[in-house]
Amino acid sequence: MTFTGFPPAAFAFYEQLAAHNTKAWWQKNRSTYDEAIKEPMTELLEAVATEFGEFKIYRPYRDTRFSKDKTPIKDHQGAVVMIEDAVGYYVQISAAGLMVGGGLYAPAPRQLARMRAAIDSPACATLESELAKLRRARPAWDIDGAPLKTRPKGVAVDHPRLELLRMTRLIFTRMYADESMLASPKVLATVRRDWRAITPAMDWLADHAGPEGDPGSDLLP
């Protein structure tokens, strides 16, 4: 199937879900989710798979086992293309519109340590250059590092890269809310363009944060 956009019914679904998030409502409206949300998302990701890789569409169901909020359905539909442990391209639709992005999310301790070591080295010049490009871009990219309130242990208070070293993740996102655009094939061009724009930063994260485990752990001594 050819991707033609996300119909208005997709966003109306999430607007209504906010007030009717029950199993009964979900069962009654499941066909709208399948036709207006899941199918277009699958078509979109299939259209970019040759360039970016295999994708995963997240389940619509919330894990309520350890949450006080027992509403059963997520208020968005996300999908990811992973290129390394915790490093991936991301796309999401919700009542707010379309989110496009990617980055390093929830890194393992070893990954975070490797990223900080790379930031504290000449290799960081490439990352700084890419982040500057994203900040200058229009529309602007939101760069989220979920920074520490203080600083990592052993890092000087006047370290020239303290802002980057405080980051516990590194995510780049853009939001689009124009429903006329979102209901058209322009979404495909937008996702492809935005993912290409963050690819150099993504590659840096994959190279320097690396896999979750020790890259050399399976090598003979």
N, C-alpha and C. Protein backbone atom coordinates (compact mmCIF):
# COMPACT_ATOMS: atom_id res chain seq x y z
N MET A 1 0.84 -1.19 0.00
CA MET A 1 0.00 0.00 0.00
C MET A 1 0.88 1.24 0.00
N THR A 2 0.40 2.31 -0.65
CA THR A 2 1.13 3.57 -0.71
C THR A 2 0.67 4.48 0.42
N PHE A 3 1.62 5.09 1.12
CA PHE A 3 1.28 6.00 2.21
C PHE A 3 0.67 7.28 1.66
N THR A 4 -0.48 7.67 2.19
CA THR A 4 -1.16 8.88 1.73
C THR A 4 -1.36 9.91 2.84
N GLY A 5 -0.94 9.57 4.06
CA GLY A 5 -1.09 10.49 5.18
C GLY A 5 -1.91 9.89 6.30
N PHE A 6 -1.99 10.63 7.43
CA PHE A 6 -2.83 10.23 8.55
C PHE A 6 -4.14 11.00 8.48
N PRO A 7 -5.26 10.31 8.34
CA PRO A 7 -6.54 11.01 8.19
C PRO A 7 -6.96 11.73 9.46
N PRO A 8 -7.86 12.70 9.35
CA PRO A 8 -8.35 13.40 10.55
C PRO A 8 -8.89 12.46 11.61
N ALA A 9 -9.40 11.30 11.19
CA ALA A 9 -9.93 10.34 12.16
C ALA A 9 -8.88 9.87 13.15
N ALA A 10 -7.60 9.89 12.74
CA ALA A 10 -6.53 9.47 13.65
C ALA A 10 -6.41 10.41 14.83
N PHE A 11 -6.47 11.71 14.56
CA PHE A 11 -6.32 12.70 15.63
C PHE A 11 -7.59 12.83 16.44
N ALA A 12 -8.74 12.64 15.78
CA ALA A 12 -10.01 12.64 16.51
C ALA A 12 -10.06 11.46 17.47
N PHE A 13 -9.48 10.33 17.05
CA PHE A 13 -9.43 9.15 17.91
C PHE A 13 -8.73 9.48 19.23
N TYR A 14 -7.58 10.13 19.15
CA TYR A 14 -6.84 10.44 20.37
C TYR A 14 -7.49 11.55 21.19
N GLU A 15 -8.15 12.48 20.53
CA GLU A 15 -8.89 13.50 21.27
C GLU A 15 -10.02 12.88 22.07
N GLN A 16 -10.73 11.93 21.47
CA GLN A 16 -11.82 11.26 22.16
C GLN A 16 -11.31 10.29 23.22
N LEU A 17 -10.17 9.69 22.95
CA LEU A 17 -9.59 8.74 23.90
C LEU A 17 -9.30 9.41 25.24
N ALA A 18 -8.93 10.69 25.21
CA ALA A 18 -8.61 11.41 26.44
C ALA A 18 -9.78 11.39 27.43
N ALA A 19 -10.99 11.34 26.90
CA ALA A 19 -12.17 11.35 27.77
C ALA A 19 -12.83 9.98 27.91
N HIS A 20 -12.40 9.02 27.09
CA HIS A 20 -13.08 7.71 27.07
C HIS A 20 -12.09 6.56 27.06
N ASN A 21 -11.05 6.66 27.88
CA ASN A 21 -10.01 5.62 27.85
C ASN A 21 -10.42 4.43 28.71
N THR A 22 -11.28 3.59 28.12
CA THR A 22 -11.75 2.38 28.78
C THR A 22 -11.66 1.22 27.79
N LYS A 23 -11.69 0.00 28.32
CA LYS A 23 -11.65 -1.17 27.45
C LYS A 23 -12.88 -1.22 26.54
N ALA A 24 -14.02 -0.83 27.07
CA ALA A 24 -15.25 -0.88 26.27
C ALA A 24 -15.16 0.09 25.10
N TRP A 25 -14.67 1.30 25.36
CA TRP A 25 -14.53 2.28 24.28
C TRP A 25 -13.51 1.82 23.26
N TRP A 26 -12.42 1.24 23.72
CA TRP A 26 -11.38 0.73 22.82
C TRP A 26 -11.94 -0.36 21.91
N GLN A 27 -12.67 -1.29 22.48
CA GLN A 27 -13.24 -2.37 21.66
C GLN A 27 -14.19 -1.82 20.61
N LYS A 28 -14.94 -0.80 20.96
CA LYS A 28 -15.89 -0.21 20.01
C LYS A 28 -15.18 0.55 18.91
N ASN A 29 -14.01 1.12 19.22
CA ASN A 29 -13.31 2.00 18.27
C ASN A 29 -12.02 1.38 17.73
N ARG A 30 -11.80 0.10 17.99
CA ARG A 30 -10.56 -0.56 17.55
C ARG A 30 -10.38 -0.48 16.04
N SER A 31 -11.45 -0.57 15.29
CA SER A 31 -11.33 -0.54 13.82
C SER A 31 -10.81 0.82 13.35
N THR A 32 -11.19 1.90 14.04
CA THR A 32 -10.66 3.23 13.69
C THR A 32 -9.15 3.28 13.92
N TYR A 33 -8.72 2.72 15.05
CA TYR A 33 -7.28 2.65 15.33
C TYR A 33 -6.55 1.88 14.22
N ASP A 34 -7.08 0.73 13.87
CA ASP A 34 -6.42 -0.11 12.85
C ASP A 34 -6.33 0.61 11.50
N GLU A 35 -7.44 1.24 11.09
CA GLU A 35 -7.50 1.81 9.75
C GLU A 35 -6.88 3.20 9.65
N ALA A 36 -7.04 4.03 10.69
CA ALA A 36 -6.59 5.42 10.61
C ALA A 36 -5.22 5.66 11.23
N ILE A 37 -4.76 4.71 12.05
CA ILE A 37 -3.49 4.92 12.77
C ILE A 37 -2.48 3.82 12.44
N LYS A 38 -2.79 2.58 12.76
CA LYS A 38 -1.81 1.51 12.59
C LYS A 38 -1.45 1.27 11.11
N GLU A 39 -2.45 1.23 10.24
CA GLU A 39 -2.17 0.98 8.82
C GLU A 39 -1.34 2.09 8.19
N PRO A 40 -1.71 3.37 8.36
CA PRO A 40 -0.86 4.42 7.80
C PRO A 40 0.54 4.44 8.40
N MET A 41 0.67 4.18 9.68
CA MET A 41 1.99 4.15 10.30
C MET A 41 2.84 3.04 9.68
N THR A 42 2.24 1.90 9.46
CA THR A 42 2.97 0.78 8.83
C THR A 42 3.39 1.15 7.42
N GLU A 43 2.49 1.76 6.65
CA GLU A 43 2.81 2.18 5.28
C GLU A 43 3.93 3.22 5.26
N LEU A 44 3.90 4.15 6.20
CA LEU A 44 4.93 5.17 6.29
C LEU A 44 6.30 4.53 6.53
N LEU A 45 6.36 3.63 7.48
CA LEU A 45 7.64 3.02 7.85
C LEU A 45 8.14 2.06 6.77
N GLU A 46 7.23 1.40 6.11
CA GLU A 46 7.65 0.54 4.99
C GLU A 46 8.26 1.37 3.87
N ALA A 47 7.77 2.60 3.70
CA ALA A 47 8.27 3.46 2.63
C ALA A 47 9.69 3.95 2.88
N VAL A 48 10.10 4.00 4.16
CA VAL A 48 11.46 4.47 4.47
C VAL A 48 12.38 3.34 4.92
N ALA A 49 11.87 2.12 4.95
CA ALA A 49 12.65 1.00 5.49
C ALA A 49 13.91 0.72 4.68
N THR A 50 13.85 0.89 3.36
CA THR A 50 15.03 0.61 2.54
C THR A 50 16.20 1.51 2.95
N GLU A 51 15.91 2.76 3.28
CA GLU A 51 16.96 3.69 3.65
C GLU A 51 17.35 3.59 5.12
N PHE A 52 16.37 3.42 6.02
CA PHE A 52 16.65 3.53 7.45
C PHE A 52 16.66 2.20 8.20
N GLY A 53 15.98 1.20 7.68
CA GLY A 53 16.05 -0.10 8.31
C GLY A 53 14.74 -0.62 8.86
N GLU A 54 14.83 -1.77 9.50
CA GLU A 54 13.67 -2.46 10.04
C GLU A 54 13.05 -1.65 11.18
N PHE A 55 11.74 -1.62 11.22
CA PHE A 55 11.03 -0.81 12.20
C PHE A 55 10.24 -1.66 13.19
N LYS A 56 9.87 -1.03 14.28
CA LYS A 56 8.98 -1.65 15.27
C LYS A 56 7.90 -0.65 15.63
N ILE A 57 6.64 -1.07 15.53
CA ILE A 57 5.51 -0.24 15.96
C ILE A 57 5.12 -0.70 17.36
N TYR A 58 5.10 0.22 18.29
CA TYR A 58 4.80 -0.15 19.67
C TYR A 58 3.34 -0.53 19.85
N ARG A 59 3.10 -1.39 20.79
CA ARG A 59 1.73 -1.80 21.12
C ARG A 59 0.93 -0.61 21.65
N PRO A 60 -0.35 -0.56 21.38
CA PRO A 60 -1.16 0.57 21.87
C PRO A 60 -1.51 0.46 23.35
N TYR A 61 -1.24 -0.70 23.96
CA TYR A 61 -1.69 -0.93 25.33
C TYR A 61 -0.65 -0.43 26.35
N ARG A 62 -1.14 0.20 27.39
CA ARG A 62 -0.28 0.65 28.47
C ARG A 62 0.02 -0.50 29.43
N ASP A 63 1.20 -0.48 30.01
CA ASP A 63 1.54 -1.40 31.08
C ASP A 63 1.12 -0.76 32.40
N THR A 64 0.03 -1.22 32.94
CA THR A 64 -0.55 -0.59 34.13
C THR A 64 -0.19 -1.32 35.43
N ARG A 65 0.68 -2.32 35.35
CA ARG A 65 0.95 -3.14 36.53
C ARG A 65 1.48 -2.33 37.71
N PHE A 66 2.34 -1.35 37.44
CA PHE A 66 2.98 -0.60 38.53
C PHE A 66 2.61 0.88 38.48
N SER A 67 1.46 1.17 37.87
CA SER A 67 1.04 2.56 37.71
C SER A 67 -0.28 2.81 38.41
N LYS A 68 -0.40 3.99 39.02
CA LYS A 68 -1.68 4.38 39.61
C LYS A 68 -2.71 4.67 38.53
N ASP A 69 -2.23 5.08 37.35
CA ASP A 69 -3.11 5.35 36.21
C ASP A 69 -3.43 4.02 35.52
N LYS A 70 -4.66 3.58 35.60
CA LYS A 70 -5.05 2.28 35.06
C LYS A 70 -5.74 2.38 33.69
N THR A 71 -5.69 3.56 33.07
CA THR A 71 -6.27 3.65 31.72
C THR A 71 -5.51 2.70 30.80
N PRO A 72 -6.22 1.93 29.96
CA PRO A 72 -5.58 0.83 29.25
C PRO A 72 -4.83 1.19 27.97
N ILE A 73 -5.14 2.34 27.34
CA ILE A 73 -4.61 2.63 26.01
C ILE A 73 -3.69 3.85 26.07
N LYS A 74 -2.56 3.77 25.37
CA LYS A 74 -1.62 4.90 25.30
C LYS A 74 -2.27 6.07 24.57
N ASP A 75 -1.86 7.28 24.92
CA ASP A 75 -2.43 8.47 24.28
C ASP A 75 -1.65 8.88 23.02
N HIS A 76 -0.87 7.95 22.48
CA HIS A 76 -0.10 8.20 21.27
C HIS A 76 0.25 6.86 20.64
N GLN A 77 0.68 6.91 19.39
CA GLN A 77 1.20 5.72 18.72
C GLN A 77 2.61 6.02 18.26
N GLY A 78 3.57 5.29 18.79
CA GLY A 78 4.97 5.49 18.44
C GLY A 78 5.53 4.32 17.66
N ALA A 79 6.62 4.59 16.96
CA ALA A 79 7.35 3.56 16.24
C ALA A 79 8.82 3.94 16.21
N VAL A 80 9.69 2.94 16.10
CA VAL A 80 11.12 3.19 16.19
C VAL A 80 11.89 2.35 15.19
N VAL A 81 13.01 2.88 14.72
CA VAL A 81 13.99 2.14 13.94
C VAL A 81 15.29 2.20 14.72
N MET A 82 15.70 1.07 15.29
CA MET A 82 16.90 1.05 16.12
C MET A 82 18.14 0.85 15.27
N ILE A 83 19.21 1.60 15.59
CA ILE A 83 20.49 1.41 14.91
C ILE A 83 21.56 0.93 15.87
N GLU A 84 21.28 0.99 17.15
CA GLU A 84 22.18 0.52 18.20
C GLU A 84 21.35 0.42 19.47
N ASP A 85 21.84 -0.29 20.47
CA ASP A 85 21.11 -0.35 21.73
C ASP A 85 20.81 1.06 22.22
N ALA A 86 19.53 1.36 22.45
CA ALA A 86 19.06 2.64 22.98
C ALA A 86 19.21 3.81 22.00
N VAL A 87 19.70 3.57 20.79
CA VAL A 87 19.85 4.63 19.78
C VAL A 87 18.93 4.32 18.61
N GLY A 88 17.99 5.21 18.33
CA GLY A 88 17.07 4.92 17.24
C GLY A 88 16.35 6.15 16.72
N TYR A 89 15.79 6.01 15.52
CA TYR A 89 14.90 7.01 14.93
C TYR A 89 13.50 6.78 15.48
N TYR A 90 12.73 7.85 15.66
CA TYR A 90 11.43 7.73 16.29
C TYR A 90 10.40 8.58 15.54
N VAL A 91 9.16 8.08 15.47
CA VAL A 91 8.05 8.84 14.92
C VAL A 91 6.81 8.52 15.76
N GLN A 92 5.95 9.53 15.96
CA GLN A 92 4.80 9.35 16.84
C GLN A 92 3.66 10.24 16.39
N ILE A 93 2.43 9.74 16.51
CA ILE A 93 1.27 10.59 16.32
C ILE A 93 0.42 10.56 17.58
N SER A 94 -0.25 11.67 17.84
CA SER A 94 -1.10 11.82 19.01
C SER A 94 -2.09 12.93 18.70
N ALA A 95 -2.88 13.31 19.67
CA ALA A 95 -3.81 14.42 19.47
C ALA A 95 -3.07 15.71 19.16
N ALA A 96 -1.82 15.83 19.61
CA ALA A 96 -1.03 17.04 19.37
C ALA A 96 -0.47 17.12 17.96
N GLY A 97 -0.46 16.00 17.23
CA GLY A 97 0.07 16.01 15.88
C GLY A 97 1.14 14.94 15.68
N LEU A 98 2.13 15.26 14.87
CA LEU A 98 3.19 14.33 14.50
C LEU A 98 4.49 14.75 15.17
N MET A 99 5.16 13.80 15.82
CA MET A 99 6.50 14.02 16.36
C MET A 99 7.48 13.19 15.54
N VAL A 100 8.57 13.83 15.12
CA VAL A 100 9.63 13.14 14.40
C VAL A 100 10.93 13.37 15.16
N GLY A 101 11.71 12.34 15.32
CA GLY A 101 12.95 12.54 16.06
C GLY A 101 13.80 11.30 16.14
N GLY A 102 14.64 11.29 17.17
CA GLY A 102 15.54 10.18 17.40
C GLY A 102 16.58 10.56 18.42
N GLY A 103 17.49 9.63 18.68
CA GLY A 103 18.57 9.90 19.60
C GLY A 103 18.87 8.74 20.51
N LEU A 104 19.54 9.04 21.62
CA LEU A 104 19.93 8.06 22.63
C LEU A 104 18.97 8.19 23.80
N TYR A 105 18.15 7.17 24.03
CA TYR A 105 17.13 7.23 25.07
C TYR A 105 17.37 6.10 26.07
N ALA A 106 17.33 6.41 27.35
CA ALA A 106 17.51 5.43 28.43
C ALA A 106 18.76 4.58 28.22
N PRO A 107 19.93 5.21 28.10
CA PRO A 107 21.15 4.43 27.91
C PRO A 107 21.51 3.61 29.15
N ALA A 108 22.15 2.48 28.91
CA ALA A 108 22.69 1.68 30.01
C ALA A 108 23.87 2.44 30.62
N PRO A 109 24.23 2.14 31.87
CA PRO A 109 25.33 2.86 32.52
C PRO A 109 26.62 2.87 31.69
N ARG A 110 26.98 1.75 31.06
CA ARG A 110 28.20 1.72 30.25
C ARG A 110 28.09 2.64 29.04
N GLN A 111 26.90 2.70 28.46
CA GLN A 111 26.71 3.59 27.31
C GLN A 111 26.86 5.05 27.72
N LEU A 112 26.27 5.40 28.85
CA LEU A 112 26.37 6.78 29.33
C LEU A 112 27.82 7.13 29.65
N ALA A 113 28.54 6.20 30.25
CA ALA A 113 29.94 6.45 30.57
C ALA A 113 30.76 6.63 29.29
N ARG A 114 30.49 5.81 28.26
CA ARG A 114 31.23 5.95 27.00
C ARG A 114 30.90 7.27 26.31
N MET A 115 29.61 7.67 26.36
CA MET A 115 29.25 8.94 25.75
C MET A 115 29.97 10.10 26.44
N ARG A 116 30.01 10.07 27.75
CA ARG A 116 30.69 11.16 28.47
C ARG A 116 32.18 11.16 28.20
N ALA A 117 32.77 9.98 28.06
CA ALA A 117 34.20 9.93 27.73
C ALA A 117 34.45 10.53 26.36
N ALA A 118 33.55 10.28 25.42
CA ALA A 118 33.70 10.84 24.07
C ALA A 118 33.49 12.35 24.07
N ILE A 119 32.55 12.81 24.91
CA ILE A 119 32.32 14.26 25.03
C ILE A 119 33.57 14.94 25.58
N ASP A 120 34.24 14.26 26.48
CA ASP A 120 35.46 14.80 27.08
C ASP A 120 36.69 14.43 26.26
N SER A 121 36.56 14.49 24.94
CA SER A 121 37.66 14.13 24.04
C SER A 121 37.52 14.95 22.75
N PRO A 122 38.54 14.93 21.88
CA PRO A 122 38.44 15.66 20.61
C PRO A 122 37.28 15.19 19.74
N ALA A 123 36.80 13.95 19.95
CA ALA A 123 35.69 13.43 19.14
C ALA A 123 34.43 14.26 19.30
N CYS A 124 34.33 15.01 20.38
CA CYS A 124 33.11 15.79 20.65
C CYS A 124 32.92 16.93 19.66
N ALA A 125 33.98 17.34 18.99
CA ALA A 125 33.86 18.46 18.04
C ALA A 125 32.81 18.16 16.98
N THR A 126 32.75 16.91 16.54
CA THR A 126 31.75 16.51 15.53
C THR A 126 30.35 16.64 16.09
N LEU A 127 30.14 16.17 17.30
CA LEU A 127 28.81 16.26 17.92
C LEU A 127 28.41 17.72 18.11
N GLU A 128 29.32 18.54 18.59
CA GLU A 128 29.01 19.95 18.79
C GLU A 128 28.61 20.62 17.49
N SER A 129 29.28 20.28 16.41
CA SER A 129 28.96 20.84 15.10
C SER A 129 27.55 20.44 14.67
N GLU A 130 27.21 19.17 14.87
CA GLU A 130 25.88 18.68 14.46
C GLU A 130 24.78 19.30 15.33
N LEU A 131 25.03 19.44 16.61
CA LEU A 131 24.03 20.06 17.48
C LEU A 131 23.82 21.53 17.10
N ALA A 132 24.89 22.20 16.70
CA ALA A 132 24.75 23.60 16.27
C ALA A 132 23.88 23.70 15.02
N LYS A 133 24.03 22.75 14.10
CA LYS A 133 23.20 22.73 12.89
C LYS A 133 21.73 22.53 13.25
N LEU A 134 21.46 21.63 14.19
CA LEU A 134 20.07 21.36 14.57
C LEU A 134 19.46 22.57 15.27
N ARG A 135 20.25 23.27 16.05
CA ARG A 135 19.74 24.47 16.73
C ARG A 135 19.44 25.60 15.75
N ARG A 136 20.21 25.68 14.67
CA ARG A 136 20.00 26.74 13.67
C ARG A 136 18.87 26.42 12.70
N ALA A 137 18.48 25.17 12.63
CA ALA A 137 17.49 24.74 11.64
C ALA A 137 16.13 25.37 11.92
N ARG A 138 15.32 25.47 10.87
CA ARG A 138 13.95 25.95 10.98
C ARG A 138 13.03 24.98 10.23
N PRO A 139 11.98 24.43 10.87
CA PRO A 139 11.64 24.68 12.28
C PRO A 139 12.70 24.15 13.22
N ALA A 140 12.76 24.73 14.40
CA ALA A 140 13.80 24.39 15.36
C ALA A 140 13.63 22.97 15.89
N TRP A 141 14.75 22.34 16.18
CA TRP A 141 14.74 21.04 16.84
C TRP A 141 14.76 21.26 18.35
N ASP A 142 13.99 20.45 19.07
CA ASP A 142 14.08 20.43 20.52
C ASP A 142 15.14 19.40 20.89
N ILE A 143 16.16 19.82 21.63
CA ILE A 143 17.25 18.93 22.04
C ILE A 143 17.12 18.70 23.54
N ASP A 144 16.84 17.46 23.91
CA ASP A 144 16.56 17.12 25.30
C ASP A 144 17.64 16.18 25.84
N GLY A 145 18.32 16.62 26.91
CA GLY A 145 19.35 15.79 27.51
C GLY A 145 19.01 15.30 28.90
N ALA A 146 17.81 15.64 29.43
CA ALA A 146 17.45 15.28 30.81
C ALA A 146 18.65 15.44 31.72
N PRO A 147 19.20 16.66 31.83
CA PRO A 147 20.48 16.85 32.51
C PRO A 147 20.42 16.64 34.02
N LEU A 148 21.55 16.25 34.56
CA LEU A 148 21.71 16.18 36.00
C LEU A 148 21.55 17.59 36.59
N LYS A 149 21.09 17.67 37.82
CA LYS A 149 20.96 18.97 38.47
C LYS A 149 22.33 19.52 38.85
N THR A 150 23.26 18.62 39.10
CA THR A 150 24.61 19.06 39.46
C THR A 150 25.57 18.76 38.31
N ARG A 151 26.48 17.82 38.51
CA ARG A 151 27.42 17.43 37.46
C ARG A 151 27.93 16.03 37.77
N PRO A 152 28.41 15.30 36.76
CA PRO A 152 28.93 13.95 37.01
C PRO A 152 30.12 14.00 37.97
N LYS A 153 30.29 12.93 38.71
CA LYS A 153 31.39 12.85 39.67
C LYS A 153 32.73 13.02 38.97
N GLY A 154 33.56 13.88 39.52
CA GLY A 154 34.90 14.09 38.97
C GLY A 154 34.99 15.14 37.89
N VAL A 155 33.86 15.71 37.47
CA VAL A 155 33.87 16.74 36.43
C VAL A 155 33.98 18.12 37.07
N ALA A 156 34.92 18.90 36.61
CA ALA A 156 35.14 20.23 37.19
C ALA A 156 33.96 21.15 36.90
N VAL A 157 33.71 22.06 37.83
CA VAL A 157 32.60 22.99 37.69
C VAL A 157 32.79 23.93 36.51
N ASP A 158 34.04 24.15 36.10
CA ASP A 158 34.31 25.04 34.97
C ASP A 158 34.69 24.29 33.70
N HIS A 159 34.31 23.01 33.63
CA HIS A 159 34.62 22.23 32.42
C HIS A 159 33.94 22.88 31.22
N PRO A 160 34.65 23.07 30.10
CA PRO A 160 34.06 23.77 28.94
C PRO A 160 32.88 23.03 28.31
N ARG A 161 32.74 21.74 28.57
CA ARG A 161 31.63 20.97 28.01
C ARG A 161 30.72 20.45 29.11
N LEU A 162 30.62 21.19 30.18
CA LEU A 162 29.83 20.75 31.32
C LEU A 162 28.37 20.51 30.94
N GLU A 163 27.80 21.38 30.08
CA GLU A 163 26.39 21.22 29.68
C GLU A 163 26.16 19.86 29.04
N LEU A 164 27.06 19.46 28.16
CA LEU A 164 26.91 18.16 27.50
C LEU A 164 27.19 17.01 28.47
N LEU A 165 28.17 17.18 29.34
CA LEU A 165 28.52 16.12 30.27
C LEU A 165 27.41 15.86 31.29
N ARG A 166 26.57 16.84 31.56
CA ARG A 166 25.46 16.66 32.50
C ARG A 166 24.32 15.85 31.90
N MET A 167 24.30 15.68 30.59
CA MET A 167 23.19 14.99 29.94
C MET A 167 23.16 13.51 30.30
N THR A 168 21.95 13.00 30.52
CA THR A 168 21.76 11.58 30.82
C THR A 168 21.14 10.84 29.63
N ARG A 169 20.83 11.59 28.60
CA ARG A 169 20.36 11.06 27.32
C ARG A 169 20.53 12.18 26.32
N LEU A 170 20.23 11.91 25.05
CA LEU A 170 20.34 12.96 24.03
C LEU A 170 19.32 12.67 22.94
N ILE A 171 18.25 13.49 22.92
CA ILE A 171 17.12 13.25 22.02
C ILE A 171 16.82 14.51 21.21
N PHE A 172 16.51 14.30 19.94
CA PHE A 172 16.17 15.41 19.04
C PHE A 172 14.75 15.19 18.52
N THR A 173 13.88 16.20 18.66
CA THR A 173 12.50 16.05 18.19
C THR A 173 11.98 17.32 17.52
N ARG A 174 11.03 17.11 16.62
CA ARG A 174 10.27 18.19 15.99
C ARG A 174 8.79 17.82 16.03
N MET A 175 7.92 18.83 16.17
CA MET A 175 6.49 18.61 16.19
C MET A 175 5.83 19.29 14.99
N TYR A 176 4.79 18.63 14.45
CA TYR A 176 4.01 19.17 13.34
C TYR A 176 2.53 19.01 13.69
N ALA A 177 1.77 20.11 13.59
CA ALA A 177 0.38 20.08 14.02
C ALA A 177 -0.62 20.42 12.92
N ASP A 178 -0.15 20.71 11.70
CA ASP A 178 -1.03 21.08 10.60
C ASP A 178 -1.72 19.83 10.06
N GLU A 179 -3.00 19.65 10.39
CA GLU A 179 -3.70 18.43 10.01
C GLU A 179 -3.84 18.27 8.50
N SER A 180 -3.88 19.37 7.76
CA SER A 180 -3.96 19.25 6.30
C SER A 180 -2.68 18.64 5.75
N MET A 181 -1.52 19.01 6.33
CA MET A 181 -0.26 18.42 5.92
C MET A 181 -0.19 16.97 6.38
N LEU A 182 -0.64 16.72 7.61
CA LEU A 182 -0.54 15.37 8.17
C LEU A 182 -1.44 14.38 7.45
N ALA A 183 -2.47 14.89 6.79
CA ALA A 183 -3.38 14.02 6.04
C ALA A 183 -2.92 13.82 4.60
N SER A 184 -1.69 14.24 4.30
CA SER A 184 -1.17 14.15 2.93
C SER A 184 0.12 13.35 2.88
N PRO A 185 0.56 12.99 1.66
CA PRO A 185 1.83 12.27 1.51
C PRO A 185 3.05 13.10 1.93
N LYS A 186 2.86 14.41 2.19
CA LYS A 186 3.99 15.25 2.62
C LYS A 186 4.63 14.74 3.91
N VAL A 187 3.87 13.98 4.69
CA VAL A 187 4.42 13.43 5.92
C VAL A 187 5.63 12.55 5.62
N LEU A 188 5.53 11.77 4.57
CA LEU A 188 6.64 10.88 4.20
C LEU A 188 7.90 11.68 3.91
N ALA A 189 7.79 12.74 3.12
CA ALA A 189 8.95 13.58 2.81
C ALA A 189 9.49 14.24 4.07
N THR A 190 8.59 14.62 4.98
CA THR A 190 9.00 15.27 6.23
C THR A 190 9.79 14.32 7.11
N VAL A 191 9.29 13.12 7.29
CA VAL A 191 9.99 12.14 8.12
C VAL A 191 11.35 11.79 7.51
N ARG A 192 11.37 11.57 6.21
CA ARG A 192 12.64 11.23 5.55
C ARG A 192 13.65 12.38 5.68
N ARG A 193 13.20 13.61 5.47
CA ARG A 193 14.09 14.77 5.58
C ARG A 193 14.61 14.93 6.99
N ASP A 194 13.72 14.81 7.98
CA ASP A 194 14.13 15.02 9.36
C ASP A 194 15.06 13.91 9.84
N TRP A 195 14.78 12.68 9.49
CA TRP A 195 15.68 11.60 9.89
C TRP A 195 17.05 11.74 9.23
N ARG A 196 17.08 12.19 7.99
CA ARG A 196 18.37 12.43 7.34
C ARG A 196 19.14 13.54 8.07
N ALA A 197 18.41 14.56 8.53
CA ALA A 197 19.06 15.69 9.20
C ALA A 197 19.74 15.27 10.49
N ILE A 198 19.17 14.30 11.22
CA ILE A 198 19.77 13.89 12.49
C ILE A 198 20.70 12.68 12.34
N THR A 199 20.81 12.14 11.13
CA THR A 199 21.64 10.95 10.94
C THR A 199 23.09 11.14 11.39
N PRO A 200 23.78 12.25 11.08
CA PRO A 200 25.16 12.38 11.57
C PRO A 200 25.26 12.34 13.09
N ALA A 201 24.33 12.99 13.79
CA ALA A 201 24.35 12.95 15.25
C ALA A 201 24.01 11.55 15.75
N MET A 202 23.08 10.88 15.08
CA MET A 202 22.72 9.50 15.45
C MET A 202 23.92 8.58 15.28
N ASP A 203 24.63 8.73 14.17
CA ASP A 203 25.81 7.90 13.93
C ASP A 203 26.87 8.14 15.01
N TRP A 204 27.02 9.41 15.40
CA TRP A 204 27.99 9.72 16.46
C TRP A 204 27.61 9.00 17.75
N LEU A 205 26.33 9.05 18.10
CA LEU A 205 25.88 8.38 19.32
C LEU A 205 26.07 6.87 19.23
N ALA A 206 25.75 6.29 18.09
CA ALA A 206 25.92 4.84 17.92
C ALA A 206 27.39 4.46 18.03
N ASP A 207 28.27 5.27 17.46
CA ASP A 207 29.71 4.97 17.46
C ASP A 207 30.32 5.16 18.84
N HIS A 208 29.87 6.20 19.56
CA HIS A 208 30.57 6.57 20.79
C HIS A 208 29.87 6.12 22.06
N ALA A 209 28.56 5.92 22.02
CA ALA A 209 27.88 5.32 23.18
C ALA A 209 27.95 3.81 23.07
N GLY A 210 27.83 3.34 21.82
CA GLY A 210 28.04 1.92 21.56
C GLY A 210 26.95 1.02 22.10
N PRO A 211 27.16 -0.29 22.08
CA PRO A 211 26.15 -1.24 22.54
C PRO A 211 26.01 -1.20 24.07
N GLU A 212 24.95 -1.83 24.53
CA GLU A 212 24.67 -1.82 25.97
C GLU A 212 25.78 -2.50 26.76
N GLY A 213 26.26 -3.63 26.24
CA GLY A 213 27.32 -4.36 26.91
C GLY A 213 28.70 -3.88 26.54
N ASP A 214 29.71 -4.63 26.94
CA ASP A 214 31.09 -4.31 26.62
C ASP A 214 31.39 -4.80 25.21
N PRO A 215 31.72 -3.91 24.26
CA PRO A 215 31.96 -4.34 22.88
C PRO A 215 33.04 -5.40 22.75
N GLY A 216 33.97 -5.45 23.70
CA GLY A 216 35.05 -6.44 23.61
C GLY A 216 34.86 -7.67 24.48
N SER A 217 33.69 -7.81 25.10
CA SER A 217 33.50 -8.88 26.07
C SER A 217 33.49 -10.27 25.45
N ASP A 218 33.20 -10.34 24.13
CA ASP A 218 33.15 -11.66 23.49
C ASP A 218 34.45 -12.00 22.78
N LEU A 219 35.48 -11.19 22.99
CA LEU A 219 36.76 -11.44 22.33
C LEU A 219 37.67 -12.27 23.23
N LEU A 220 38.49 -13.09 22.63
CA LEU A 220 39.43 -13.90 23.40
C LEU A 220 40.54 -13.00 23.95
N PRO A 221 41.05 -13.31 25.13
CA PRO A 221 42.12 -12.51 25.71
C PRO A 221 43.41 -12.64 24.91
